[in-house]
Amino acid sequence: MNKMLIVFLLVSYLVIGVIFLFMPKRLTKQEIYITWFVVTVQALIADIFWGEILDLYDLIKADGDLLIDLIIQISLPAFFGILYMNFMPRERNKFIVYFVFWVAFSVAYETLAAFVGYINYKG
């Protein structure tokens, strides 16, 4: 793994950890666990289908170290999913703005992830 990728992952986990530490918890523990499970399964299925079967991208070229990739795959998307669910507004107009923010954030984060080499597109 290159140094930029390591810094990117460490900063991602550090920022999410700080947010989790200080955020007001609106979700119950059960909702957090369910969100973690659903987001992790969805991320793994999507990566298997789009990344492995259709071979459109690779995640982390860590010299065959699948354990690091698996740990990241079962944690990072779930952390973002829990943050998304925790702060989701109930009002429709606020939700639209909230949704647009998360779409823009996701595109920016994926662009940065591709730049540092976490995601390697094949076409």
C-alpha atoms as a PDB file:
ATOM      1  CA  MET A   1       0.000   0.000   0.000  1.00  0.00           C
ATOM      2  CA  ASN A   2       1.243   3.476  -0.764  1.00  0.00           C
ATOM      3  CA  LYS A   3       1.599   6.157   1.910  1.00  0.00           C
ATOM      4  CA  MET A   4      -1.243   8.333   0.585  1.00  0.00           C
ATOM      5  CA  LEU A   5      -3.637   5.402   0.809  1.00  0.00           C
ATOM      6  CA  ILE A   6      -2.604   4.610   4.377  1.00  0.00           C
ATOM      7  CA  VAL A   7      -3.013   8.264   5.395  1.00  0.00           C
ATOM      8  CA  PHE A   8      -6.402   8.393   3.629  1.00  0.00           C
ATOM      9  CA  LEU A   9      -7.660   5.332   5.516  1.00  0.00           C
ATOM     10  CA  LEU A  10      -6.246   6.467   8.867  1.00  0.00           C
ATOM     11  CA  VAL A  11      -7.765   9.941   8.507  1.00  0.00           C
ATOM     12  CA  SER A  12     -11.088   8.407   7.434  1.00  0.00           C
ATOM     13  CA  TYR A  13     -11.217   6.186  10.509  1.00  0.00           C
ATOM     14  CA  LEU A  14      -9.998   8.979  12.802  1.00  0.00           C
ATOM     15  CA  VAL A  15     -12.620  11.471  11.589  1.00  0.00           C
ATOM     16  CA  ILE A  16     -15.414   8.891  11.774  1.00  0.00           C
ATOM     17  CA  GLY A  17     -14.242   7.823  15.239  1.00  0.00           C
ATOM     18  CA  VAL A  18     -14.294  11.392  16.532  1.00  0.00           C
ATOM     19  CA  ILE A  19     -17.740  11.982  15.022  1.00  0.00           C
ATOM     20  CA  PHE A  20     -19.034   8.763  16.614  1.00  0.00           C
ATOM     21  CA  LEU A  21     -17.554   9.708  19.971  1.00  0.00           C
ATOM     22  CA  PHE A  22     -19.226  13.122  20.127  1.00  0.00           C
ATOM     23  CA  MET A  23     -22.399  12.712  18.032  1.00  0.00           C
ATOM     24  CA  PRO A  24     -25.782  12.626  19.737  1.00  0.00           C
ATOM     25  CA  LYS A  25     -26.963   9.031  19.479  1.00  0.00           C
ATOM     26  CA  ARG A  26     -30.427   9.021  17.888  1.00  0.00           C
ATOM     27  CA  LEU A  27     -30.286   5.350  16.944  1.00  0.00           C
ATOM     28  CA  THR A  28     -30.730   2.537  19.435  1.00  0.00           C
ATOM     29  CA  LYS A  29     -28.039  -0.131  19.757  1.00  0.00           C
ATOM     30  CA  GLN A  30     -30.310  -2.529  17.902  1.00  0.00           C
ATOM     31  CA  GLU A  31     -30.736  -0.049  15.014  1.00  0.00           C
ATOM     32  CA  ILE A  32     -26.974   0.478  14.890  1.00  0.00           C
ATOM     33  CA  TYR A  33     -26.330  -3.276  14.682  1.00  0.00           C
ATOM     34  CA  ILE A  34     -29.011  -3.775  12.041  1.00  0.00           C
ATOM     35  CA  THR A  35     -27.660  -0.849   9.999  1.00  0.00           C
ATOM     36  CA  TRP A  36     -24.119  -2.227  10.331  1.00  0.00           C
ATOM     37  CA  PHE A  37     -25.234  -5.669   9.109  1.00  0.00           C
ATOM     38  CA  VAL A  38     -27.388  -4.427   6.213  1.00  0.00           C
ATOM     39  CA  VAL A  39     -24.809  -1.929   4.922  1.00  0.00           C
ATOM     40  CA  THR A  40     -21.967  -4.448   5.211  1.00  0.00           C
ATOM     41  CA  VAL A  41     -23.866  -7.186   3.373  1.00  0.00           C
ATOM     42  CA  GLN A  42     -24.982  -4.735   0.679  1.00  0.00           C
ATOM     43  CA  ALA A  43     -21.419  -3.400   0.236  1.00  0.00           C
ATOM     44  CA  LEU A  44     -19.954  -6.903  -0.001  1.00  0.00           C
ATOM     45  CA  ILE A  45     -22.600  -8.074  -2.503  1.00  0.00           C
ATOM     46  CA  ALA A  46     -22.141  -4.923  -4.603  1.00  0.00           C
ATOM     47  CA  ASP A  47     -18.355  -5.291  -4.599  1.00  0.00           C
ATOM     48  CA  ILE A  48     -18.571  -8.961  -5.521  1.00  0.00           C
ATOM     49  CA  PHE A  49     -20.978  -8.238  -8.378  1.00  0.00           C
ATOM     50  CA  TRP A  50     -19.496  -5.009  -9.780  1.00  0.00           C
ATOM     51  CA  GLY A  51     -15.856  -5.553  -8.802  1.00  0.00           C
ATOM     52  CA  GLU A  52     -15.348  -9.283  -9.136  1.00  0.00           C
ATOM     53  CA  ILE A  53     -17.987 -10.671 -11.515  1.00  0.00           C
ATOM     54  CA  LEU A  54     -18.166  -7.710 -13.919  1.00  0.00           C
ATOM     55  CA  ASP A  55     -14.535  -6.759 -13.133  1.00  0.00           C
ATOM     56  CA  LEU A  56     -15.183  -3.004 -13.300  1.00  0.00           C
ATOM     57  CA  TYR A  57     -12.888  -2.011 -10.425  1.00  0.00           C
ATOM     58  CA  ASP A  58     -10.507  -3.269  -7.758  1.00  0.00           C
ATOM     59  CA  LEU A  59     -10.309  -2.181  -4.158  1.00  0.00           C
ATOM     60  CA  ILE A  60      -6.863  -1.825  -2.556  1.00  0.00           C
ATOM     61  CA  LYS A  61      -4.043  -3.541  -4.257  1.00  0.00           C
ATOM     62  CA  ALA A  62      -2.418  -4.628  -0.977  1.00  0.00           C
ATOM     63  CA  ASP A  63      -0.131  -7.309  -2.375  1.00  0.00           C
ATOM     64  CA  GLY A  64      -2.677 -10.052  -1.788  1.00  0.00           C
ATOM     65  CA  ASP A  65      -3.499  -9.015   1.786  1.00  0.00           C
ATOM     66  CA  LEU A  66      -7.205  -9.831   1.746  1.00  0.00           C
ATOM     67  CA  LEU A  67      -7.580  -9.470   5.539  1.00  0.00           C
ATOM     68  CA  ILE A  68      -6.962  -5.705   5.415  1.00  0.00           C
ATOM     69  CA  ASP A  69      -9.417  -5.352   2.539  1.00  0.00           C
ATOM     70  CA  LEU A  70     -12.044  -7.408   4.400  1.00  0.00           C
ATOM     71  CA  ILE A  71     -11.674  -5.361   7.599  1.00  0.00           C
ATOM     72  CA  ILE A  72     -12.107  -2.148   5.641  1.00  0.00           C
ATOM     73  CA  GLN A  73     -15.078  -3.569   3.717  1.00  0.00           C
ATOM     74  CA  ILE A  74     -16.951  -4.629   6.863  1.00  0.00           C
ATOM     75  CA  SER A  75     -16.292  -1.399   8.740  1.00  0.00           C
ATOM     76  CA  LEU A  76     -15.913   1.743   6.607  1.00  0.00           C
ATOM     77  CA  PRO A  77     -19.181   1.545   4.604  1.00  0.00           C
ATOM     78  CA  ALA A  78     -21.058   0.583   7.780  1.00  0.00           C
ATOM     79  CA  PHE A  79     -19.684   3.603   9.668  1.00  0.00           C
ATOM     80  CA  PHE A  80     -20.915   5.906   6.906  1.00  0.00           C
ATOM     81  CA  GLY A  81     -24.285   4.124   6.837  1.00  0.00           C
ATOM     82  CA  ILE A  82     -24.721   4.560  10.573  1.00  0.00           C
ATOM     83  CA  LEU A  83     -23.823   8.264  10.316  1.00  0.00           C
ATOM     84  CA  TYR A  84     -26.330   8.650   7.483  1.00  0.00           C
ATOM     85  CA  MET A  85     -29.109   6.957   9.448  1.00  0.00           C
ATOM     86  CA  ASN A  86     -28.295   8.688  12.745  1.00  0.00           C
ATOM     87  CA  PHE A  87     -28.739  12.224  11.424  1.00  0.00           C
ATOM     88  CA  MET A  88     -31.507  11.555   8.879  1.00  0.00           C
ATOM     89  CA  PRO A  89     -34.265  14.193   9.228  1.00  0.00           C
ATOM     90  CA  ARG A  90     -37.926  13.239   9.307  1.00  0.00           C
ATOM     91  CA  GLU A  91     -39.262  16.247   7.371  1.00  0.00           C
ATOM     92  CA  ARG A  92     -39.429  15.819   3.591  1.00  0.00           C
ATOM     93  CA  ASN A  93     -37.870  19.196   2.638  1.00  0.00           C
ATOM     94  CA  LYS A  94     -34.986  18.719   5.064  1.00  0.00           C
ATOM     95  CA  PHE A  95     -34.498  15.163   3.834  1.00  0.00           C
ATOM     96  CA  ILE A  96     -34.087  16.302   0.223  1.00  0.00           C
ATOM     97  CA  VAL A  97     -31.291  18.695   1.213  1.00  0.00           C
ATOM     98  CA  TYR A  98     -29.786  16.014   3.464  1.00  0.00           C
ATOM     99  CA  PHE A  99     -29.882  13.448   0.651  1.00  0.00           C
ATOM    100  CA  VAL A 100     -28.271  15.845  -1.840  1.00  0.00           C
ATOM    101  CA  PHE A 101     -25.516  16.584   0.703  1.00  0.00           C
ATOM    102  CA  TRP A 102     -24.781  12.863   1.148  1.00  0.00           C
ATOM    103  CA  VAL A 103     -24.746  12.236  -2.601  1.00  0.00           C
ATOM    104  CA  ALA A 104     -22.271  15.108  -3.095  1.00  0.00           C
ATOM    105  CA  PHE A 105     -20.173  13.887  -0.139  1.00  0.00           C
ATOM    106  CA  SER A 106     -20.158  10.336  -1.508  1.00  0.00           C
ATOM    107  CA  VAL A 107     -19.033  11.457  -4.964  1.00  0.00           C
ATOM    108  CA  ALA A 108     -16.271  13.607  -3.444  1.00  0.00           C
ATOM    109  CA  TYR A 109     -15.145  10.797  -1.124  1.00  0.00           C
ATOM    110  CA  GLU A 110     -15.105   8.256  -3.965  1.00  0.00           C
ATOM    111  CA  THR A 111     -13.137  10.676  -6.153  1.00  0.00           C
ATOM    112  CA  LEU A 112     -10.581  11.111  -3.373  1.00  0.00           C
ATOM    113  CA  ALA A 113     -10.519   7.330  -2.808  1.00  0.00           C
ATOM    114  CA  ALA A 114      -9.750   6.798  -6.498  1.00  0.00           C
ATOM    115  CA  PHE A 115      -7.053   9.483  -6.398  1.00  0.00           C
ATOM    116  CA  VAL A 116      -5.196   7.834  -3.484  1.00  0.00           C
ATOM    117  CA  GLY A 117      -5.564   4.343  -4.966  1.00  0.00           C
ATOM    118  CA  TYR A 118      -8.224   2.791  -2.740  1.00  0.00           C
ATOM    119  CA  ILE A 119     -10.439   2.285  -5.786  1.00  0.00           C
ATOM    120  CA  ASN A 120      -8.857   1.351  -9.103  1.00  0.00           C
ATOM    121  CA  TYR A 121     -11.283   1.631 -12.009  1.00  0.00           C
ATOM    122  CA  LYS A 122     -10.770  -0.651 -14.972  1.00  0.00           C
ATOM    123  CA  GLY A 123     -12.814   1.196 -17.549  1.00  0.00           C
END
